[in-house]
Amino acid sequence: MRKHYLKKIVVGLLTIAMMLSLVGCGGSSGSDEKPITIRMSHTQAPNSVSDLSAKEFARLVSEKSEGKIKVDVYSNSGLSGGDLTKAIEMVQTGDIDIHSAAPANIANFDAKFYVFWLPYLFPTIEDLVNATKDEAITTEVNSWLSEMDMTMLGLNNAGARQITNSKKEIKSVEDLKGMNIRVPGANLFIDLYKNYFGANPTAMDFSEVYTALQQGIIDGQENPISVFSSSKLNEVQNYVTLWDGVRDTTIWVMNNKRLEGFTAEEQAIIKESAAEAMEWGNAYLAENEEKIIEELEASGTVFTRLTDTEIQEFKDASAPIYDQYASQIGQDVIDLFRNVSK
């Protein structure tokens, strides 16, 4: 009887030891599992609004997934060697999971994306923000991306692309004639500055712009004020013209297979976090853009604010580009975007 009792005690202790061993090895808790890593790239410098929004996204994803998903952020298109077009190709192949860029960076793959850079398409910031949230527009844009194995996670305001240079104040189209202005590698921008403004546009990856300005290879460039500031272009540029011609947007695109590889719950976390982070970016610009301008002015940058008459001259000069690009973009697409701005 005593032997039988001792045997039961030994069996019980062994069972407890086995259970503790399984827990210690992580068999039931999963606490030692490595997080799933998402590689996210964007086109701008560290501490730019694109960078800060991406980092907010990373924070939200980690928080909502309880650390199971991690987002690594790469600035200045670091995963593609600074090449804006290659970055899109890498999203298509899955070598980059998520990429944040101006929508027109995708125009080399589908010319309809040029619509985002048509001059004076969005009269106000409110018009732009409304367009980024409009269901008809987001559905249309996602249909373009689906043919390229990508999904749009969202659109947001990136600020108006302002003209900067190291030579003089620019108050008219005439002032731009003959100036060497860096533009993104997009035909629409090259045509706008060459055929309608009389400048000498030079397509160049943004990662090369600071050095080119510093060495005098180009006279100026155009980008949102937040980019001008975060990239420290004020160190090599004295003049900024607030012409508000192109109100820029940022689009986040994700490789379809990568997104579909997550569970439904994880996909919801990624999409919700992207929407919240992009809204955070909108708020950041609304709160800080004027402050950035004031700080730049205090440090010696000359800002030229155009009168209504001067702005109308730029509008009139650039208006024919709509007809030039209607066949490439599609008049129906142009009308869709214009209707949101009415």
Protein backbone atom coordinates (compact mmCIF):
# COMPACT_ATOMS: atom_id res chain seq x y z
CA MET A 1 0.00 0.00 0.00
CA ARG A 2 2.80 2.35 0.90
CA LYS A 3 4.73 1.52 -2.31
CA HIS A 4 1.63 2.22 -4.40
CA TYR A 5 1.18 5.60 -2.67
CA LEU A 6 4.84 6.57 -3.27
CA LYS A 7 4.52 5.55 -6.92
CA LYS A 8 1.54 7.93 -7.40
CA ILE A 9 3.54 10.77 -5.86
CA VAL A 10 6.49 10.16 -8.20
CA VAL A 11 4.24 10.04 -11.29
CA GLY A 12 2.56 13.28 -10.21
CA LEU A 13 5.88 15.06 -9.73
CA LEU A 14 7.12 13.92 -13.16
CA THR A 15 3.92 15.21 -14.79
CA ILE A 16 4.34 18.60 -13.16
CA ALA A 17 8.00 18.73 -14.23
CA MET A 18 7.06 17.99 -17.86
CA MET A 19 4.42 20.74 -17.88
CA LEU A 20 6.88 23.27 -16.47
CA SER A 21 9.43 22.22 -19.07
CA LEU A 22 6.98 22.85 -21.92
CA VAL A 23 6.10 26.31 -20.58
CA GLY A 24 9.76 27.14 -20.13
CA CYS A 25 10.47 26.23 -23.76
CA GLY A 26 7.67 28.52 -24.95
CA GLY A 27 5.49 25.65 -26.11
CA SER A 28 2.27 27.32 -24.98
CA SER A 29 3.11 30.99 -24.34
CA GLY A 30 4.81 31.94 -27.63
CA SER A 31 6.63 34.72 -25.77
CA ASP A 32 9.96 33.96 -27.46
CA GLU A 33 8.61 34.21 -31.01
CA LYS A 34 10.39 36.77 -33.17
CA PRO A 35 8.19 39.60 -34.50
CA ILE A 36 7.21 39.65 -38.16
CA THR A 37 9.20 42.44 -39.85
CA ILE A 38 7.79 44.83 -42.47
CA ARG A 39 10.31 46.82 -44.49
CA MET A 40 9.01 50.32 -45.26
CA SER A 41 10.77 52.84 -47.49
CA HIS A 42 10.04 56.50 -48.15
CA THR A 43 11.59 59.16 -50.40
CA GLN A 44 12.42 61.90 -47.92
CA ALA A 45 15.11 62.74 -45.36
CA PRO A 46 15.15 61.67 -41.70
CA ASN A 47 12.78 63.78 -39.56
CA SER A 48 10.76 64.91 -42.59
CA VAL A 49 6.98 64.59 -42.34
CA SER A 50 7.22 61.37 -44.42
CA ASP A 51 9.76 59.97 -41.98
CA LEU A 52 7.83 61.03 -38.89
CA SER A 53 4.58 59.60 -40.29
CA ALA A 54 6.29 56.30 -41.11
CA LYS A 55 7.68 56.11 -37.57
CA GLU A 56 4.22 56.83 -36.16
CA PHE A 57 2.94 53.95 -38.31
CA ALA A 58 5.66 51.68 -36.90
CA ARG A 59 4.68 52.66 -33.35
CA LEU A 60 0.98 52.03 -33.97
CA VAL A 61 1.56 48.65 -35.63
CA SER A 62 3.76 47.48 -32.76
CA GLU A 63 1.23 48.70 -30.20
CA LYS A 64 -1.84 47.22 -31.90
CA SER A 65 -0.15 43.88 -32.63
CA GLU A 66 1.31 43.69 -29.11
CA GLY A 67 4.81 43.54 -30.55
CA LYS A 68 4.09 40.72 -32.99
CA ILE A 69 4.68 42.96 -36.03
CA LYS A 70 7.66 45.28 -36.38
CA VAL A 71 8.13 47.99 -39.03
CA ASP A 72 11.65 48.97 -40.09
CA VAL A 73 11.70 52.44 -41.72
CA TYR A 74 14.25 53.40 -44.41
CA SER A 75 14.53 57.09 -45.41
CA ASN A 76 15.78 58.62 -48.70
CA SER A 77 14.61 55.56 -50.68
CA GLY A 78 17.44 53.73 -48.93
CA LEU A 79 16.34 50.28 -50.04
CA SER A 80 16.51 51.27 -53.71
CA GLY A 81 19.73 53.28 -53.57
CA GLY A 82 17.84 56.57 -53.85
CA ASP A 83 16.20 55.52 -57.14
CA LEU A 84 12.52 56.55 -57.01
CA THR A 85 11.44 54.39 -59.96
CA LYS A 86 13.34 51.33 -58.74
CA ALA A 87 11.59 51.66 -55.36
CA ILE A 88 8.21 51.12 -57.06
CA GLU A 89 9.61 48.13 -58.97
CA MET A 90 10.85 46.66 -55.69
CA VAL A 91 7.39 46.95 -54.15
CA GLN A 92 5.98 45.07 -57.15
CA THR A 93 8.50 42.25 -56.72
CA GLY A 94 8.11 42.17 -52.93
CA ASP A 95 11.65 43.34 -52.13
CA ILE A 96 10.09 46.36 -50.40
CA ASP A 97 6.90 45.71 -48.42
CA ILE A 98 5.57 49.29 -48.18
CA HIS A 99 6.73 52.43 -49.97
CA SER A 100 5.70 56.04 -49.33
CA ALA A 101 6.10 58.45 -52.27
CA ALA A 102 4.44 61.11 -54.38
CA PRO A 103 1.78 59.34 -56.51
CA ALA A 104 3.32 60.69 -59.71
CA ASN A 105 6.44 58.60 -58.96
CA ILE A 106 4.25 55.75 -60.23
CA ALA A 107 3.43 57.59 -63.49
CA ASN A 108 6.27 55.81 -65.30
CA PHE A 109 4.18 52.65 -64.86
CA ASP A 110 0.75 54.21 -65.42
CA ALA A 111 0.37 57.76 -66.77
CA LYS A 112 -2.96 58.22 -64.95
CA PHE A 113 -0.93 59.00 -61.82
CA TYR A 114 0.13 62.30 -63.44
CA VAL A 115 -3.28 63.65 -62.44
CA PHE A 116 -1.96 64.34 -58.94
CA TRP A 117 0.57 66.84 -60.32
CA LEU A 118 -1.64 68.86 -62.65
CA PRO A 119 -1.11 72.54 -61.73
CA TYR A 120 -3.86 74.24 -59.74
CA LEU A 121 -5.97 71.07 -59.67
CA PHE A 122 -6.63 71.60 -55.95
CA PRO A 123 -7.38 75.30 -55.23
CA THR A 124 -7.04 74.85 -51.46
CA ILE A 125 -5.53 72.44 -48.96
CA GLU A 126 -9.06 71.48 -47.92
CA ASP A 127 -9.79 70.44 -51.52
CA LEU A 128 -6.70 68.27 -51.54
CA VAL A 129 -7.49 66.60 -48.20
CA ASN A 130 -11.07 65.97 -49.35
CA ALA A 131 -9.73 64.28 -52.49
CA THR A 132 -7.45 61.98 -50.48
CA LYS A 133 -10.48 60.73 -48.54
CA ASP A 134 -13.01 60.63 -51.38
CA GLU A 135 -14.32 57.10 -51.89
CA ALA A 136 -14.63 57.40 -55.68
CA ILE A 137 -11.03 58.60 -55.99
CA THR A 138 -9.53 56.02 -53.64
CA THR A 139 -11.45 53.23 -55.39
CA GLU A 140 -10.25 54.45 -58.78
CA VAL A 141 -6.61 54.72 -57.69
CA ASN A 142 -6.69 51.26 -56.12
CA SER A 143 -7.94 49.84 -59.41
CA TRP A 144 -4.82 51.20 -61.13
CA LEU A 145 -2.56 49.73 -58.46
CA SER A 146 -4.19 46.29 -58.48
CA GLU A 147 -2.89 45.81 -62.02
CA MET A 148 0.64 46.37 -60.67
CA ASP A 149 0.39 43.89 -57.76
CA MET A 150 0.07 46.69 -55.20
CA THR A 151 -2.56 47.99 -52.76
CA MET A 152 -2.95 51.57 -51.59
CA LEU A 153 -2.90 51.97 -47.81
CA GLY A 154 -3.78 55.65 -48.04
CA LEU A 155 -3.20 59.17 -49.37
CA ASN A 156 -2.45 62.35 -47.46
CA ASN A 157 -1.40 65.98 -47.79
CA ALA A 158 2.33 66.52 -48.39
CA GLY A 159 2.21 70.31 -48.79
CA ALA A 160 2.36 72.55 -51.86
CA ARG A 161 5.46 72.18 -54.03
CA GLN A 162 7.13 75.62 -53.87
CA ILE A 163 9.86 76.93 -56.18
CA THR A 164 13.25 77.65 -54.59
CA ASN A 165 16.47 79.02 -56.08
CA SER A 166 19.78 80.67 -55.26
CA LYS A 167 19.64 83.54 -57.78
CA LYS A 168 16.68 85.88 -57.29
CA GLU A 169 13.07 86.39 -56.28
CA ILE A 170 10.67 84.76 -58.74
CA LYS A 171 7.44 86.71 -59.14
CA SER A 172 6.46 85.86 -62.71
CA VAL A 173 6.77 83.19 -65.38
CA GLU A 174 9.27 85.48 -67.11
CA ASP A 175 11.56 85.22 -64.07
CA LEU A 176 11.84 81.46 -64.56
CA LYS A 177 13.02 81.65 -68.16
CA GLY A 178 16.44 80.13 -68.68
CA MET A 179 16.82 78.94 -65.08
CA ASN A 180 18.12 75.41 -64.43
CA ILE A 181 15.44 73.87 -62.22
CA ARG A 182 15.58 70.35 -60.83
CA VAL A 183 12.32 68.45 -61.25
CA PRO A 184 11.36 64.84 -60.49
CA GLY A 185 11.83 62.34 -63.33
CA ALA A 186 8.28 62.82 -64.59
CA ASN A 187 7.47 63.99 -68.11
CA LEU A 188 4.65 66.23 -66.89
CA PHE A 189 7.01 68.31 -64.76
CA ILE A 190 9.61 68.47 -67.50
CA ASP A 191 6.99 69.72 -69.97
CA LEU A 192 5.53 72.18 -67.45
CA TYR A 193 8.81 73.92 -66.75
CA LYS A 194 10.23 73.71 -70.27
CA ASN A 195 7.24 74.33 -72.54
CA TYR A 196 5.10 76.57 -70.35
CA PHE A 197 7.55 78.35 -68.02
CA GLY A 198 10.58 78.58 -70.34
CA ALA A 199 12.98 77.10 -67.76
CA ASN A 200 15.60 74.40 -68.29
CA PRO A 201 14.26 71.46 -66.25
CA THR A 202 16.70 68.79 -65.10
CA ALA A 203 15.35 65.42 -63.93
CA MET A 204 17.35 64.21 -60.94
CA ASP A 205 16.88 61.81 -58.01
CA PHE A 206 16.21 63.79 -54.85
CA SER A 207 19.19 62.23 -53.09
CA GLU A 208 21.46 64.17 -55.50
CA VAL A 209 19.76 67.56 -55.19
CA TYR A 210 21.63 69.08 -52.24
CA THR A 211 25.05 68.47 -53.80
CA ALA A 212 23.89 69.69 -57.22
CA LEU A 213 22.59 72.92 -55.67
CA GLN A 214 25.73 73.35 -53.61
CA GLN A 215 27.96 72.95 -56.70
CA GLY A 216 25.81 75.25 -58.84
CA ILE A 217 24.91 72.49 -61.31
CA ILE A 218 21.29 73.59 -60.93
CA ASP A 219 19.86 76.97 -59.90
CA GLY A 220 16.81 75.72 -58.05
CA GLN A 221 14.27 73.02 -57.36
CA GLU A 222 10.67 72.65 -56.24
CA ASN A 223 9.32 70.73 -53.26
CA PRO A 224 7.06 71.22 -50.24
CA ILE A 225 8.41 73.54 -47.53
CA SER A 226 8.66 70.68 -45.03
CA VAL A 227 10.98 68.85 -47.44
CA PHE A 228 12.99 72.01 -48.15
CA SER A 229 13.53 72.40 -44.40
CA SER A 230 14.17 68.78 -43.37
CA SER A 231 16.67 68.39 -46.24
CA LYS A 232 18.44 71.60 -45.17
CA LEU A 233 18.18 73.08 -48.67
CA ASN A 234 18.09 76.53 -47.04
CA GLU A 235 21.84 76.10 -46.62
CA VAL A 236 22.25 76.29 -50.41
CA GLN A 237 19.09 78.21 -51.47
CA ASN A 238 18.14 81.77 -50.51
CA TYR A 239 14.80 82.30 -52.27
CA VAL A 240 11.42 80.56 -52.00
CA THR A 241 8.39 81.45 -54.11
CA LEU A 242 5.03 80.41 -52.63
CA TRP A 243 3.16 79.86 -55.89
CA ASP A 244 0.98 76.97 -54.59
CA GLY A 245 0.80 75.55 -58.10
CA VAL A 246 0.98 71.86 -57.27
CA ARG A 247 -0.43 70.69 -53.94
CA ASP A 248 1.44 67.48 -53.37
CA THR A 249 0.18 64.22 -51.92
CA THR A 250 1.85 61.15 -50.48
CA ILE A 251 0.66 57.66 -51.31
CA TRP A 252 1.51 54.50 -49.37
CA VAL A 253 1.58 51.34 -51.49
CA MET A 254 2.06 47.76 -50.30
CA ASN A 255 2.91 44.57 -52.17
CA ASN A 256 -0.28 42.54 -52.58
CA LYS A 257 1.18 39.12 -51.76
CA ARG A 258 2.88 40.49 -48.67
CA LEU A 259 -0.37 42.01 -47.42
CA GLU A 260 -2.35 38.86 -48.18
CA GLY A 261 0.22 36.81 -46.26
CA PHE A 262 -1.02 38.33 -43.00
CA THR A 263 -4.09 37.13 -41.16
CA ALA A 264 -7.31 39.13 -41.50
CA GLU A 265 -6.71 40.59 -38.03
CA GLU A 266 -3.14 41.57 -38.90
CA GLN A 267 -4.23 43.13 -42.21
CA ALA A 268 -6.76 45.22 -40.29
CA ILE A 269 -4.00 46.38 -37.92
CA ILE A 270 -1.77 47.42 -40.84
CA LYS A 271 -4.55 49.30 -42.64
CA GLU A 272 -5.87 51.01 -39.51
CA SER A 273 -2.37 52.02 -38.42
CA ALA A 274 -1.61 53.44 -41.89
CA ALA A 275 -4.83 55.51 -41.88
CA GLU A 276 -4.08 56.88 -38.41
CA ALA A 277 -0.44 57.64 -39.22
CA MET A 278 -1.37 59.48 -42.42
CA GLU A 279 -3.97 61.50 -40.56
CA TRP A 280 -1.23 62.28 -38.02
CA GLY A 281 0.86 63.57 -40.95
CA ASN A 282 -1.98 65.85 -42.08
CA ALA A 283 -2.24 67.30 -38.58
CA TYR A 284 1.53 67.74 -38.32
CA LEU A 285 1.66 69.80 -41.52
CA ALA A 286 -1.36 71.87 -40.52
CA GLU A 287 0.27 72.70 -37.19
CA ASN A 288 3.88 73.16 -38.28
CA GLU A 289 4.19 74.41 -41.88
CA GLU A 290 3.72 78.08 -41.04
CA LYS A 291 6.06 77.69 -38.07
CA ILE A 292 8.71 76.20 -40.40
CA ILE A 293 8.35 79.19 -42.74
CA GLU A 294 8.75 81.62 -39.84
CA GLU A 295 11.91 79.84 -38.66
CA LEU A 296 13.38 79.84 -42.16
CA GLU A 297 12.60 83.55 -42.60
CA ALA A 298 14.26 84.30 -39.28
CA SER A 299 17.40 82.51 -40.48
CA GLY A 300 17.57 84.56 -43.69
CA THR A 301 15.52 82.71 -46.31
CA VAL A 302 13.57 85.17 -48.51
CA PHE A 303 9.94 84.16 -49.08
CA THR A 304 8.02 85.65 -51.99
CA ARG A 305 4.23 85.58 -51.57
CA LEU A 306 2.52 86.12 -54.91
CA THR A 307 -0.45 88.41 -55.40
CA ASP A 308 -3.67 87.09 -56.94
CA THR A 309 -2.68 88.72 -60.24
CA GLU A 310 0.74 87.06 -60.19
CA ILE A 311 -0.79 83.67 -59.38
CA GLN A 312 -3.25 84.10 -62.24
CA GLU A 313 -0.32 84.52 -64.63
CA PHE A 314 1.06 81.12 -63.56
CA LYS A 315 -2.41 79.59 -63.87
CA ASP A 316 -2.88 80.94 -67.38
CA ALA A 317 0.61 79.87 -68.48
CA SER A 318 0.18 76.30 -67.22
CA ALA A 319 -3.47 75.71 -68.18
CA PRO A 320 -2.74 74.19 -71.65
CA ILE A 321 -0.96 71.24 -70.06
CA TYR A 322 -4.39 69.80 -69.19
CA ASP A 323 -5.17 69.36 -72.89
CA GLN A 324 -1.69 68.00 -73.57
CA TYR A 325 -2.05 65.25 -70.95
CA ALA A 326 -5.78 64.50 -71.26
CA SER A 327 -5.16 61.58 -73.59
CA GLN A 328 -2.55 60.04 -71.28
CA ILE A 329 -4.35 60.57 -67.98
CA GLY A 330 -7.87 60.26 -69.31
CA GLN A 331 -10.37 63.11 -69.36
CA ASP A 332 -12.67 61.05 -67.15
CA VAL A 333 -9.95 60.85 -64.49
CA ILE A 334 -9.29 64.60 -64.67
CA ASP A 335 -13.01 65.29 -64.34
CA LEU A 336 -13.28 62.95 -61.35
CA PHE A 337 -10.58 64.86 -59.47
CA ARG A 338 -11.90 68.26 -60.54
CA ASN A 339 -15.42 67.45 -59.32
CA VAL A 340 -14.11 66.87 -55.79
CA SER A 341 -12.52 70.32 -55.82
CA LYS A 342 -15.69 72.16 -56.87
